[in-house]
N, C-alpha and C. Protein backbone atom coordinates (compact mmCIF):
# COMPACT_ATOMS: atom_id res chain seq x y z
N MET A 1 -4.19 3.37 12.29
CA MET A 1 -3.28 4.41 12.76
C MET A 1 -4.07 5.41 13.59
N GLY A 2 -3.33 6.42 14.10
CA GLY A 2 -4.02 7.48 14.79
C GLY A 2 -4.12 7.21 16.27
N GLY A 3 -4.98 7.97 16.91
CA GLY A 3 -5.13 7.88 18.34
C GLY A 3 -4.45 9.05 19.01
N SER A 4 -4.86 9.31 20.22
CA SER A 4 -4.32 10.45 20.94
C SER A 4 -2.90 10.23 21.36
N GLY A 5 -2.11 11.31 21.32
CA GLY A 5 -0.74 11.23 21.77
C GLY A 5 -0.66 11.17 23.28
N GLY A 6 -1.72 11.59 23.98
CA GLY A 6 -1.81 11.43 25.41
C GLY A 6 -0.73 12.13 26.20
N ALA A 7 -0.16 13.21 25.71
CA ALA A 7 0.93 13.87 26.42
C ALA A 7 0.40 14.58 27.64
N GLY A 8 1.24 14.62 28.65
CA GLY A 8 0.81 15.28 29.86
C GLY A 8 1.54 16.57 30.09
N ARG A 9 1.16 17.23 31.16
CA ARG A 9 1.87 18.42 31.59
C ARG A 9 3.11 17.99 32.34
N ALA A 10 3.83 18.96 32.86
CA ALA A 10 5.04 18.63 33.58
C ALA A 10 4.73 17.61 34.66
N GLY A 11 5.57 16.57 34.70
CA GLY A 11 5.36 15.52 35.67
C GLY A 11 4.52 14.39 35.13
N GLY A 12 3.90 14.54 33.96
CA GLY A 12 3.10 13.49 33.37
C GLY A 12 3.99 12.43 32.76
N GLY A 13 3.45 11.26 32.53
CA GLY A 13 4.24 10.19 31.96
C GLY A 13 3.86 9.95 30.52
N GLY A 14 4.82 9.54 29.72
CA GLY A 14 4.55 9.20 28.34
C GLY A 14 4.00 7.80 28.23
N ARG A 15 3.68 7.37 27.02
CA ARG A 15 3.14 6.04 26.80
C ARG A 15 4.25 5.12 26.33
N ALA A 16 4.23 3.90 26.82
CA ALA A 16 5.14 2.86 26.36
C ALA A 16 6.58 3.32 26.38
N GLY A 17 6.95 4.01 27.46
CA GLY A 17 8.34 4.40 27.61
C GLY A 17 8.73 5.68 26.91
N VAL A 18 7.80 6.33 26.21
CA VAL A 18 8.10 7.59 25.54
C VAL A 18 7.93 8.73 26.54
N LYS A 19 8.93 9.54 26.68
CA LYS A 19 8.83 10.67 27.61
C LYS A 19 7.84 11.69 27.06
N ALA A 20 6.92 12.12 27.90
CA ALA A 20 5.88 13.04 27.47
C ALA A 20 6.41 14.46 27.36
N ALA A 21 5.89 15.19 26.40
CA ALA A 21 6.23 16.60 26.28
C ALA A 21 5.58 17.38 27.42
N ARG A 22 6.29 18.35 27.92
CA ARG A 22 5.74 19.25 28.93
C ARG A 22 5.03 20.39 28.22
N ARG A 23 3.75 20.50 28.44
CA ARG A 23 2.97 21.53 27.77
C ARG A 23 3.10 22.87 28.50
N PRO A 24 2.95 23.96 27.77
CA PRO A 24 2.98 25.27 28.43
C PRO A 24 1.73 25.45 29.27
N GLU A 25 1.86 26.22 30.32
CA GLU A 25 0.71 26.60 31.14
C GLU A 25 0.67 28.13 31.16
N VAL A 26 0.11 28.69 30.11
CA VAL A 26 0.11 30.14 29.94
C VAL A 26 -1.08 30.75 30.66
N ARG A 27 -0.80 31.66 31.55
CA ARG A 27 -1.86 32.42 32.25
C ARG A 27 -1.57 33.90 32.04
N LEU A 28 -2.28 34.47 31.09
CA LEU A 28 -2.03 35.86 30.75
C LEU A 28 -2.58 36.80 31.83
N PRO A 29 -1.86 37.86 32.13
CA PRO A 29 -2.37 38.89 33.04
C PRO A 29 -3.38 39.76 32.29
N PRO A 30 -4.07 40.66 32.95
CA PRO A 30 -4.91 41.64 32.23
C PRO A 30 -4.05 42.40 31.21
N LEU A 31 -4.54 42.47 29.98
CA LEU A 31 -3.74 43.04 28.89
C LEU A 31 -4.22 44.43 28.50
N GLU A 32 -3.29 45.23 28.05
CA GLU A 32 -3.61 46.55 27.50
C GLU A 32 -3.68 46.45 25.97
N PRO A 33 -4.70 47.04 25.34
CA PRO A 33 -4.76 47.03 23.88
C PRO A 33 -3.52 47.71 23.28
N TYR A 34 -2.97 47.09 22.25
CA TYR A 34 -1.80 47.69 21.60
C TYR A 34 -2.24 48.89 20.79
N ALA A 35 -1.64 50.04 21.06
CA ALA A 35 -2.05 51.28 20.39
C ALA A 35 -0.92 51.87 19.57
N GLY A 36 0.12 51.09 19.35
CA GLY A 36 1.24 51.60 18.57
C GLY A 36 0.92 51.66 17.09
N GLY A 37 1.76 52.38 16.37
CA GLY A 37 1.53 52.54 14.93
C GLY A 37 2.02 51.37 14.11
N GLY A 38 2.84 50.52 14.69
CA GLY A 38 3.38 49.38 13.96
C GLY A 38 4.52 48.77 14.75
N LEU A 39 4.98 47.64 14.27
CA LEU A 39 6.08 46.96 14.95
C LEU A 39 7.38 47.72 14.73
N GLU A 40 8.28 47.59 15.68
CA GLU A 40 9.59 48.22 15.58
C GLU A 40 10.68 47.18 15.78
N PRO A 41 11.77 47.26 15.03
CA PRO A 41 12.89 46.35 15.26
C PRO A 41 13.37 46.46 16.71
N ASP A 42 13.61 45.32 17.33
CA ASP A 42 14.08 45.26 18.72
C ASP A 42 13.09 45.90 19.70
N GLY A 43 11.84 45.97 19.31
CA GLY A 43 10.82 46.53 20.20
C GLY A 43 10.59 45.65 21.41
N ASP A 44 10.07 46.23 22.47
CA ASP A 44 9.81 45.52 23.72
C ASP A 44 8.33 45.63 24.03
N TYR A 45 7.60 44.50 23.92
CA TYR A 45 6.16 44.49 24.07
C TYR A 45 5.80 43.59 25.25
N ASP A 46 5.19 44.17 26.26
CA ASP A 46 4.93 43.45 27.51
C ASP A 46 3.47 43.65 27.93
N GLY A 47 2.74 42.54 28.06
CA GLY A 47 1.36 42.61 28.55
C GLY A 47 0.41 43.31 27.60
N LEU A 48 0.60 43.10 26.29
CA LEU A 48 -0.22 43.81 25.29
C LEU A 48 -1.11 42.85 24.51
N ASP A 49 -2.23 43.40 24.05
CA ASP A 49 -3.20 42.66 23.26
C ASP A 49 -3.18 43.20 21.83
N PHE A 50 -2.62 42.41 20.92
CA PHE A 50 -2.61 42.76 19.49
C PHE A 50 -3.81 42.06 18.87
N ARG A 51 -4.82 42.81 18.48
CA ARG A 51 -6.06 42.18 18.04
C ARG A 51 -6.48 42.68 16.65
N GLU A 52 -6.62 41.73 15.72
CA GLU A 52 -7.11 42.01 14.37
C GLU A 52 -6.31 43.13 13.71
N LEU A 53 -5.00 43.07 13.82
CA LEU A 53 -4.14 44.09 13.23
C LEU A 53 -3.52 43.59 11.93
N ASP A 54 -3.34 44.52 11.00
CA ASP A 54 -2.63 44.21 9.76
C ASP A 54 -1.16 44.56 9.96
N LEU A 55 -0.36 43.54 10.22
CA LEU A 55 1.08 43.74 10.46
C LEU A 55 1.89 43.30 9.24
N ALA A 56 1.23 43.16 8.11
CA ALA A 56 1.90 42.70 6.90
C ALA A 56 3.04 43.62 6.51
N GLY A 57 4.18 43.03 6.18
CA GLY A 57 5.31 43.78 5.68
C GLY A 57 6.07 44.57 6.72
N GLN A 58 5.67 44.50 7.98
CA GLN A 58 6.34 45.29 9.01
C GLN A 58 7.60 44.59 9.51
N ASP A 59 8.45 45.35 10.17
CA ASP A 59 9.74 44.84 10.65
C ASP A 59 9.77 44.85 12.18
N GLY A 60 9.63 43.66 12.75
CA GLY A 60 9.74 43.52 14.19
C GLY A 60 10.91 42.61 14.55
N GLY A 61 11.93 42.62 13.71
CA GLY A 61 13.09 41.77 13.95
C GLY A 61 13.72 42.03 15.30
N GLY A 62 13.99 40.97 16.06
CA GLY A 62 14.63 41.12 17.36
C GLY A 62 13.71 41.60 18.46
N ALA A 63 12.42 41.75 18.19
CA ALA A 63 11.49 42.24 19.21
C ALA A 63 11.22 41.17 20.27
N ARG A 64 10.78 41.62 21.43
CA ARG A 64 10.42 40.71 22.52
C ARG A 64 8.95 40.89 22.85
N PHE A 65 8.20 39.78 22.84
CA PHE A 65 6.79 39.76 23.21
C PHE A 65 6.65 38.93 24.48
N MET A 66 6.30 39.58 25.58
CA MET A 66 6.21 38.92 26.88
C MET A 66 4.80 39.07 27.42
N ASP A 67 4.16 37.94 27.77
CA ASP A 67 2.78 37.99 28.29
C ASP A 67 1.87 38.75 27.33
N CYS A 68 1.93 38.38 26.05
CA CYS A 68 1.13 39.05 25.03
C CYS A 68 0.13 38.09 24.39
N ALA A 69 -0.92 38.68 23.80
CA ALA A 69 -1.87 37.94 22.98
C ALA A 69 -1.89 38.57 21.60
N LEU A 70 -1.69 37.75 20.57
CA LEU A 70 -1.84 38.19 19.19
C LEU A 70 -3.00 37.40 18.61
N THR A 71 -4.07 38.10 18.26
CA THR A 71 -5.29 37.45 17.83
C THR A 71 -5.74 37.98 16.48
N GLY A 72 -5.90 37.08 15.50
CA GLY A 72 -6.43 37.46 14.20
C GLY A 72 -5.58 38.44 13.43
N CYS A 73 -4.27 38.43 13.64
CA CYS A 73 -3.39 39.39 12.97
C CYS A 73 -2.88 38.84 11.64
N ALA A 74 -2.68 39.74 10.67
CA ALA A 74 -2.11 39.38 9.36
C ALA A 74 -0.60 39.57 9.40
N LEU A 75 0.12 38.53 8.96
CA LEU A 75 1.58 38.55 9.04
C LEU A 75 2.23 38.27 7.69
N ASP A 76 1.61 38.70 6.63
CA ASP A 76 2.18 38.47 5.29
C ASP A 76 3.51 39.21 5.16
N GLU A 77 4.58 38.44 4.89
CA GLU A 77 5.92 39.02 4.69
C GLU A 77 6.40 39.84 5.89
N THR A 78 5.84 39.58 7.06
CA THR A 78 6.29 40.29 8.25
C THR A 78 7.64 39.76 8.70
N ARG A 79 8.54 40.66 9.04
CA ARG A 79 9.88 40.24 9.47
C ARG A 79 9.91 40.20 11.00
N LEU A 80 10.07 38.98 11.52
CA LEU A 80 10.16 38.76 12.96
C LEU A 80 11.36 37.87 13.29
N SER A 81 12.37 37.95 12.47
CA SER A 81 13.56 37.14 12.73
C SER A 81 14.18 37.55 14.06
N ARG A 82 14.65 36.57 14.80
CA ARG A 82 15.28 36.75 16.11
C ARG A 82 14.30 37.28 17.17
N ALA A 83 13.02 37.34 16.85
CA ALA A 83 12.04 37.78 17.84
C ALA A 83 11.90 36.72 18.94
N ARG A 84 11.44 37.16 20.11
CA ARG A 84 11.23 36.24 21.23
C ARG A 84 9.78 36.35 21.69
N PHE A 85 9.11 35.23 21.70
CA PHE A 85 7.74 35.14 22.17
C PHE A 85 7.75 34.31 23.45
N LEU A 86 7.41 34.94 24.57
CA LEU A 86 7.51 34.31 25.88
C LEU A 86 6.17 34.39 26.61
N ASP A 87 5.69 33.27 27.10
CA ASP A 87 4.44 33.23 27.87
C ASP A 87 3.32 33.98 27.13
N SER A 88 3.11 33.61 25.88
CA SER A 88 2.14 34.33 25.04
C SER A 88 1.21 33.35 24.32
N VAL A 89 0.07 33.89 23.87
CA VAL A 89 -0.92 33.11 23.13
C VAL A 89 -1.14 33.75 21.77
N LEU A 90 -0.94 32.98 20.71
CA LEU A 90 -1.08 33.48 19.35
C LEU A 90 -2.24 32.73 18.71
N THR A 91 -3.30 33.45 18.38
CA THR A 91 -4.54 32.82 17.92
C THR A 91 -4.96 33.37 16.56
N GLY A 92 -5.27 32.46 15.65
CA GLY A 92 -5.82 32.86 14.36
C GLY A 92 -4.89 33.70 13.51
N LEU A 93 -3.60 33.52 13.65
CA LEU A 93 -2.66 34.26 12.79
C LEU A 93 -2.76 33.76 11.37
N ARG A 94 -2.57 34.67 10.42
CA ARG A 94 -2.63 34.28 9.01
C ARG A 94 -1.57 35.06 8.25
N GLY A 95 -1.06 34.43 7.21
CA GLY A 95 -0.07 35.14 6.42
C GLY A 95 0.80 34.20 5.61
N VAL A 96 1.45 34.77 4.61
CA VAL A 96 2.36 34.03 3.74
C VAL A 96 3.73 34.67 3.82
N GLY A 97 4.76 33.84 3.94
CA GLY A 97 6.13 34.35 3.90
C GLY A 97 6.57 35.06 5.17
N THR A 98 5.97 34.72 6.30
CA THR A 98 6.38 35.33 7.57
C THR A 98 7.80 34.86 7.92
N ASN A 99 8.67 35.80 8.25
CA ASN A 99 10.07 35.48 8.55
C ASN A 99 10.28 35.43 10.06
N LEU A 100 10.38 34.21 10.59
CA LEU A 100 10.63 33.99 12.00
C LEU A 100 11.95 33.25 12.22
N ALA A 101 12.87 33.43 11.30
CA ALA A 101 14.16 32.75 11.40
C ALA A 101 14.86 33.10 12.69
N ASP A 102 15.42 32.09 13.36
CA ASP A 102 16.18 32.28 14.60
C ASP A 102 15.34 32.86 15.73
N ALA A 103 14.02 32.78 15.63
CA ALA A 103 13.16 33.27 16.69
C ALA A 103 13.12 32.28 17.85
N THR A 104 12.64 32.74 19.00
CA THR A 104 12.50 31.89 20.18
C THR A 104 11.04 31.90 20.63
N PHE A 105 10.50 30.71 20.82
CA PHE A 105 9.15 30.55 21.36
C PHE A 105 9.27 29.72 22.64
N ARG A 106 8.91 30.31 23.76
CA ARG A 106 9.00 29.58 25.03
C ARG A 106 7.71 29.79 25.82
N ASP A 107 7.06 28.69 26.17
CA ASP A 107 5.76 28.74 26.85
C ASP A 107 4.76 29.53 26.02
N VAL A 108 4.46 28.97 24.84
CA VAL A 108 3.61 29.65 23.86
C VAL A 108 2.54 28.67 23.35
N GLU A 109 1.34 29.20 23.13
CA GLU A 109 0.28 28.47 22.46
C GLU A 109 0.01 29.14 21.12
N LEU A 110 0.11 28.34 20.04
CA LEU A 110 -0.18 28.81 18.69
C LEU A 110 -1.44 28.08 18.23
N LEU A 111 -2.53 28.83 18.11
CA LEU A 111 -3.84 28.22 17.91
C LEU A 111 -4.45 28.64 16.57
N ASP A 112 -4.94 27.66 15.82
CA ASP A 112 -5.74 27.91 14.61
C ASP A 112 -5.03 28.83 13.62
N ALA A 113 -3.76 28.61 13.42
CA ALA A 113 -2.99 29.43 12.47
C ALA A 113 -3.28 29.00 11.04
N ARG A 114 -3.24 29.95 10.13
CA ARG A 114 -3.35 29.69 8.69
C ARG A 114 -2.16 30.37 8.03
N LEU A 115 -1.07 29.64 7.92
CA LEU A 115 0.19 30.22 7.47
C LEU A 115 0.76 29.43 6.30
N GLY A 116 1.54 30.11 5.49
CA GLY A 116 2.19 29.46 4.36
C GLY A 116 3.59 29.99 4.16
N GLY A 117 4.53 29.09 3.91
CA GLY A 117 5.90 29.52 3.66
C GLY A 117 6.56 30.20 4.84
N THR A 118 6.18 29.80 6.05
CA THR A 118 6.75 30.43 7.25
C THR A 118 8.19 29.99 7.45
N GLN A 119 9.07 30.95 7.66
CA GLN A 119 10.49 30.67 7.86
C GLN A 119 10.79 30.61 9.35
N LEU A 120 11.04 29.39 9.84
CA LEU A 120 11.40 29.19 11.24
C LEU A 120 12.75 28.48 11.35
N HIS A 121 13.55 28.59 10.33
CA HIS A 121 14.84 27.89 10.37
C HIS A 121 15.73 28.50 11.45
N GLY A 122 16.39 27.63 12.18
CA GLY A 122 17.25 28.07 13.26
C GLY A 122 16.51 28.50 14.51
N ALA A 123 15.19 28.36 14.54
CA ALA A 123 14.40 28.81 15.68
C ALA A 123 14.51 27.83 16.85
N VAL A 124 14.14 28.31 18.03
CA VAL A 124 14.10 27.49 19.24
C VAL A 124 12.67 27.48 19.76
N LEU A 125 12.08 26.29 19.87
CA LEU A 125 10.73 26.14 20.39
C LEU A 125 10.79 25.26 21.63
N GLU A 126 10.34 25.79 22.75
CA GLU A 126 10.38 25.04 24.00
C GLU A 126 9.07 25.25 24.76
N ARG A 127 8.44 24.15 25.12
CA ARG A 127 7.11 24.16 25.74
C ARG A 127 6.15 24.97 24.88
N VAL A 128 5.85 24.41 23.73
CA VAL A 128 4.98 25.06 22.74
C VAL A 128 3.89 24.07 22.33
N VAL A 129 2.66 24.55 22.22
CA VAL A 129 1.56 23.78 21.66
C VAL A 129 1.10 24.46 20.38
N VAL A 130 1.05 23.68 19.30
CA VAL A 130 0.48 24.15 18.03
C VAL A 130 -0.81 23.38 17.83
N ARG A 131 -1.94 24.06 18.00
CA ARG A 131 -3.23 23.36 17.97
C ARG A 131 -4.13 23.95 16.89
N GLY A 132 -4.67 23.05 16.07
CA GLY A 132 -5.60 23.47 15.03
C GLY A 132 -4.91 24.18 13.89
N GLY A 133 -5.68 24.49 12.86
CA GLY A 133 -5.16 25.26 11.73
C GLY A 133 -4.38 24.43 10.74
N LYS A 134 -3.79 25.16 9.80
CA LYS A 134 -3.03 24.53 8.72
C LYS A 134 -1.82 25.39 8.39
N ILE A 135 -0.67 24.75 8.30
CA ILE A 135 0.57 25.45 7.98
C ILE A 135 1.21 24.76 6.79
N ASP A 136 1.36 25.49 5.70
CA ASP A 136 1.96 24.94 4.48
C ASP A 136 3.42 25.37 4.37
N TYR A 137 4.27 24.42 3.93
CA TYR A 137 5.67 24.72 3.62
C TYR A 137 6.39 25.38 4.80
N LEU A 138 6.27 24.75 5.95
CA LEU A 138 6.91 25.25 7.17
C LEU A 138 8.39 24.89 7.16
N ASN A 139 9.24 25.90 7.24
CA ASN A 139 10.69 25.69 7.20
C ASN A 139 11.23 25.69 8.63
N LEU A 140 11.53 24.49 9.14
CA LEU A 140 12.10 24.32 10.47
C LEU A 140 13.52 23.76 10.39
N ARG A 141 14.21 24.03 9.31
CA ARG A 141 15.56 23.49 9.15
C ARG A 141 16.46 23.99 10.27
N THR A 142 17.22 23.08 10.85
CA THR A 142 18.18 23.33 11.93
C THR A 142 17.54 23.93 13.18
N ALA A 143 16.22 23.88 13.27
CA ALA A 143 15.54 24.38 14.47
C ALA A 143 15.70 23.38 15.62
N ARG A 144 15.46 23.86 16.84
CA ARG A 144 15.51 23.00 18.02
C ARG A 144 14.14 23.01 18.68
N LEU A 145 13.53 21.84 18.74
CA LEU A 145 12.19 21.70 19.32
C LEU A 145 12.29 20.79 20.55
N ARG A 146 11.88 21.32 21.68
CA ARG A 146 11.87 20.53 22.91
C ARG A 146 10.55 20.77 23.62
N ASP A 147 9.87 19.69 23.97
CA ASP A 147 8.56 19.77 24.62
C ASP A 147 7.58 20.56 23.75
N VAL A 148 7.36 20.03 22.55
CA VAL A 148 6.46 20.65 21.57
C VAL A 148 5.36 19.65 21.22
N VAL A 149 4.12 20.12 21.18
CA VAL A 149 2.99 19.28 20.83
C VAL A 149 2.28 19.89 19.63
N PHE A 150 2.14 19.09 18.57
CA PHE A 150 1.32 19.46 17.41
C PHE A 150 0.01 18.70 17.55
N GLU A 151 -1.09 19.43 17.65
CA GLU A 151 -2.37 18.80 17.97
C GLU A 151 -3.47 19.27 17.02
N SER A 152 -4.13 18.31 16.38
CA SER A 152 -5.29 18.59 15.51
C SER A 152 -4.97 19.64 14.45
N CYS A 153 -3.78 19.54 13.86
CA CYS A 153 -3.40 20.49 12.82
C CYS A 153 -2.93 19.74 11.58
N VAL A 154 -2.81 20.48 10.49
CA VAL A 154 -2.34 19.93 9.22
C VAL A 154 -1.03 20.62 8.86
N LEU A 155 0.02 19.84 8.64
CA LEU A 155 1.30 20.36 8.21
C LEU A 155 1.60 19.80 6.82
N VAL A 156 1.68 20.70 5.85
CA VAL A 156 1.92 20.30 4.46
C VAL A 156 3.36 20.64 4.08
N GLU A 157 4.12 19.63 3.73
CA GLU A 157 5.52 19.75 3.35
C GLU A 157 6.36 20.47 4.40
N PRO A 158 6.26 20.05 5.67
CA PRO A 158 7.13 20.65 6.68
C PRO A 158 8.57 20.17 6.48
N ASP A 159 9.52 21.05 6.65
CA ASP A 159 10.93 20.72 6.44
C ASP A 159 11.65 20.74 7.80
N PHE A 160 11.97 19.55 8.29
CA PHE A 160 12.69 19.42 9.56
C PHE A 160 14.17 19.11 9.31
N GLY A 161 14.68 19.44 8.14
CA GLY A 161 16.04 19.10 7.80
C GLY A 161 17.05 19.62 8.81
N GLY A 162 17.85 18.71 9.38
CA GLY A 162 18.88 19.11 10.32
C GLY A 162 18.36 19.57 11.66
N ALA A 163 17.05 19.47 11.90
CA ALA A 163 16.47 19.92 13.17
C ALA A 163 16.69 18.89 14.27
N ARG A 164 16.57 19.35 15.51
CA ARG A 164 16.66 18.46 16.66
C ARG A 164 15.32 18.49 17.39
N LEU A 165 14.69 17.33 17.49
CA LEU A 165 13.38 17.21 18.11
C LEU A 165 13.50 16.32 19.34
N GLU A 166 13.11 16.86 20.49
CA GLU A 166 13.17 16.11 21.74
C GLU A 166 11.85 16.28 22.48
N ARG A 167 11.26 15.16 22.84
CA ARG A 167 9.94 15.15 23.47
C ARG A 167 8.96 15.98 22.64
N VAL A 168 8.72 15.51 21.43
CA VAL A 168 7.78 16.15 20.50
C VAL A 168 6.65 15.15 20.22
N GLU A 169 5.43 15.61 20.31
CA GLU A 169 4.27 14.74 20.11
C GLU A 169 3.38 15.28 19.00
N PHE A 170 2.82 14.35 18.25
CA PHE A 170 1.86 14.68 17.20
C PHE A 170 0.55 13.99 17.57
N VAL A 171 -0.49 14.77 17.81
CA VAL A 171 -1.77 14.25 18.29
C VAL A 171 -2.85 14.60 17.28
N ASP A 172 -3.44 13.57 16.65
CA ASP A 172 -4.53 13.79 15.69
C ASP A 172 -4.12 14.79 14.62
N CYS A 173 -2.94 14.59 14.04
CA CYS A 173 -2.38 15.50 13.04
C CYS A 173 -2.25 14.83 11.69
N THR A 174 -2.09 15.67 10.67
CA THR A 174 -1.76 15.20 9.34
C THR A 174 -0.39 15.76 8.96
N LEU A 175 0.49 14.86 8.53
CA LEU A 175 1.83 15.25 8.05
C LEU A 175 1.93 14.84 6.60
N LYS A 176 2.00 15.83 5.71
CA LYS A 176 2.09 15.55 4.28
C LYS A 176 3.47 15.91 3.76
N ALA A 177 4.13 14.94 3.14
CA ALA A 177 5.42 15.17 2.46
C ALA A 177 6.44 15.80 3.40
N ALA A 178 6.59 15.23 4.59
CA ALA A 178 7.54 15.74 5.57
C ALA A 178 8.97 15.38 5.17
N ASP A 179 9.90 16.27 5.45
CA ASP A 179 11.32 16.07 5.16
C ASP A 179 12.07 16.00 6.49
N LEU A 180 12.68 14.85 6.78
CA LEU A 180 13.43 14.66 8.01
C LEU A 180 14.93 14.52 7.74
N THR A 181 15.39 14.97 6.60
CA THR A 181 16.78 14.82 6.24
C THR A 181 17.71 15.35 7.34
N ALA A 182 18.61 14.48 7.81
CA ALA A 182 19.63 14.85 8.81
C ALA A 182 19.05 15.31 10.14
N ALA A 183 17.74 15.07 10.38
CA ALA A 183 17.14 15.44 11.66
C ALA A 183 17.55 14.46 12.75
N THR A 184 17.50 14.91 14.01
CA THR A 184 17.77 14.06 15.16
C THR A 184 16.54 14.01 16.03
N LEU A 185 16.01 12.81 16.26
CA LEU A 185 14.76 12.64 17.00
C LEU A 185 15.02 11.90 18.30
N THR A 186 14.47 12.43 19.40
CA THR A 186 14.56 11.79 20.70
C THR A 186 13.19 11.87 21.37
N ASP A 187 12.63 10.71 21.70
CA ASP A 187 11.30 10.67 22.32
C ASP A 187 10.28 11.45 21.51
N VAL A 188 10.21 11.14 20.22
CA VAL A 188 9.23 11.75 19.33
C VAL A 188 8.11 10.74 19.09
N ASP A 189 6.90 11.11 19.42
CA ASP A 189 5.75 10.21 19.31
C ASP A 189 4.92 10.59 18.08
N LEU A 190 4.98 9.72 17.09
CA LEU A 190 4.26 9.95 15.84
C LEU A 190 2.98 9.13 15.74
N ARG A 191 2.65 8.39 16.79
CA ARG A 191 1.51 7.47 16.69
C ARG A 191 0.19 8.19 16.54
N GLY A 192 0.13 9.45 16.95
CA GLY A 192 -1.11 10.21 16.82
C GLY A 192 -1.28 10.87 15.47
N VAL A 193 -0.34 10.62 14.54
CA VAL A 193 -0.48 11.18 13.19
C VAL A 193 -1.48 10.33 12.42
N THR A 194 -2.56 10.94 11.97
CA THR A 194 -3.60 10.18 11.27
C THR A 194 -3.22 9.89 9.82
N SER A 195 -2.36 10.73 9.26
CA SER A 195 -1.86 10.50 7.90
C SER A 195 -0.39 10.88 7.89
N LEU A 196 0.50 9.85 7.85
CA LEU A 196 1.94 10.07 7.96
C LEU A 196 2.59 9.84 6.61
N ASP A 197 3.17 10.91 6.07
CA ASP A 197 3.80 10.85 4.75
C ASP A 197 5.18 11.49 4.86
N ILE A 198 6.23 10.67 4.77
CA ILE A 198 7.60 11.15 4.85
C ILE A 198 8.26 10.92 3.50
N VAL A 199 8.70 12.00 2.87
CA VAL A 199 9.27 11.87 1.53
C VAL A 199 10.79 11.75 1.54
N ARG A 200 11.41 12.30 2.58
CA ARG A 200 12.87 12.21 2.70
C ARG A 200 13.25 12.08 4.17
N GLY A 201 14.33 11.34 4.41
CA GLY A 201 14.85 11.22 5.76
C GLY A 201 14.16 10.17 6.61
N VAL A 202 13.51 9.19 5.99
CA VAL A 202 12.85 8.15 6.78
C VAL A 202 13.86 7.39 7.61
N ASP A 203 15.13 7.40 7.19
CA ASP A 203 16.18 6.74 7.96
C ASP A 203 16.47 7.45 9.28
N ARG A 204 15.93 8.65 9.46
CA ARG A 204 16.16 9.42 10.69
C ARG A 204 15.11 9.15 11.76
N LEU A 205 14.27 8.14 11.56
CA LEU A 205 13.21 7.84 12.52
C LEU A 205 13.71 7.16 13.79
N ARG A 206 15.00 6.86 13.84
CA ARG A 206 15.55 6.34 15.09
C ARG A 206 15.27 7.37 16.19
N GLY A 207 14.71 6.93 17.29
CA GLY A 207 14.35 7.84 18.38
C GLY A 207 12.90 8.25 18.33
N ALA A 208 12.17 7.76 17.31
CA ALA A 208 10.74 8.04 17.21
C ALA A 208 9.96 6.76 17.47
N VAL A 209 8.68 6.92 17.81
CA VAL A 209 7.78 5.78 17.99
C VAL A 209 6.64 5.92 17.00
N ILE A 210 6.38 4.84 16.25
CA ILE A 210 5.28 4.83 15.30
C ILE A 210 4.41 3.61 15.59
N SER A 211 3.22 3.60 15.00
CA SER A 211 2.31 2.48 15.20
C SER A 211 2.58 1.39 14.17
N THR A 212 1.99 0.23 14.41
CA THR A 212 2.14 -0.88 13.47
C THR A 212 1.58 -0.51 12.10
N GLY A 213 0.43 0.15 12.08
CA GLY A 213 -0.16 0.55 10.80
C GLY A 213 0.72 1.54 10.06
N GLN A 214 1.34 2.46 10.80
CA GLN A 214 2.23 3.42 10.16
C GLN A 214 3.46 2.73 9.58
N LEU A 215 3.95 1.71 10.28
CA LEU A 215 5.09 0.96 9.77
C LEU A 215 4.75 0.32 8.42
N LEU A 216 3.55 -0.24 8.32
CA LEU A 216 3.14 -0.84 7.05
C LEU A 216 3.03 0.21 5.96
N ASP A 217 2.52 1.39 6.30
CA ASP A 217 2.40 2.46 5.31
C ASP A 217 3.77 2.94 4.84
N LEU A 218 4.74 2.93 5.75
CA LEU A 218 6.08 3.42 5.41
C LEU A 218 6.97 2.36 4.80
N ALA A 219 6.49 1.11 4.76
CA ALA A 219 7.34 0.01 4.29
C ALA A 219 7.94 0.27 2.90
N PRO A 220 7.17 0.76 1.91
CA PRO A 220 7.79 0.99 0.60
C PRO A 220 8.91 2.03 0.65
N VAL A 221 8.71 3.09 1.46
CA VAL A 221 9.74 4.12 1.57
C VAL A 221 10.97 3.56 2.28
N LEU A 222 10.75 2.77 3.34
CA LEU A 222 11.86 2.16 4.05
C LEU A 222 12.63 1.19 3.16
N ALA A 223 11.90 0.40 2.36
CA ALA A 223 12.56 -0.53 1.46
C ALA A 223 13.42 0.21 0.45
N GLY A 224 12.88 1.30 -0.08
CA GLY A 224 13.65 2.09 -1.03
C GLY A 224 14.89 2.70 -0.41
N GLU A 225 14.75 3.15 0.85
CA GLU A 225 15.88 3.75 1.56
C GLU A 225 16.98 2.73 1.80
N LEU A 226 16.58 1.47 2.03
CA LEU A 226 17.54 0.41 2.31
C LEU A 226 18.00 -0.31 1.06
N GLY A 227 17.47 0.09 -0.08
CA GLY A 227 17.85 -0.56 -1.33
C GLY A 227 17.29 -1.96 -1.51
N ILE A 228 16.13 -2.21 -0.87
CA ILE A 228 15.50 -3.53 -0.96
C ILE A 228 14.51 -3.54 -2.11
N ARG A 229 14.65 -4.54 -2.98
CA ARG A 229 13.69 -4.72 -4.06
C ARG A 229 12.55 -5.60 -3.57
N VAL A 230 11.33 -5.13 -3.78
CA VAL A 230 10.16 -5.90 -3.39
C VAL A 230 9.40 -6.29 -4.67
N GLU A 231 9.28 -7.57 -4.90
CA GLU A 231 8.61 -8.05 -6.11
C GLU A 231 7.58 -9.12 -5.75
N GLY A 232 6.62 -9.29 -6.65
CA GLY A 232 5.65 -10.37 -6.48
C GLY A 232 4.51 -9.96 -5.58
């Protein structure tokens, strides 16, 4: 199993008929250091550098982050529901219980995150790269992912229940105990997953591409889903 997902930028071609995800091309302008006292609901943040800040427990619900960099910030129990992250780079974020429900990420790079219990249900992710780091118990229920690349990261018990994934690639990733219940997959390339573990919703893999080795690994789960008894 494994191998590179080989996704290209806009105009690139996928492998074996799989449409490639379009990666973001984020070019940040010169940024001003953020000097505010804390996040504000519906705040408007443009061209700012949030660096090594403790934003735990703060309320930035509905805020807009445009051409921003968030680096090394703590987001424990931070409320960012309905927030919009546009043309931004998020590096080294850490936190437990971050609320990003119904948030929008468009042309965003999320790098080396260490997050747990992140709420992204109902969120919209478009042209997003998630590279490096580890995210535990990621809630992406009913989210919409289009042109998203997960690269060299570990996802533990991600919940894609009811989500819609289109042109999503997994490159050199680990997926542990993934839930695909009622998910809809279109041009999803799972061949770059080095360890693929699906606990629910394996019947939703229509529209995904997996490797021969992954098929063998999933055979017991598929047999159980189809009610096939395997003996001997």
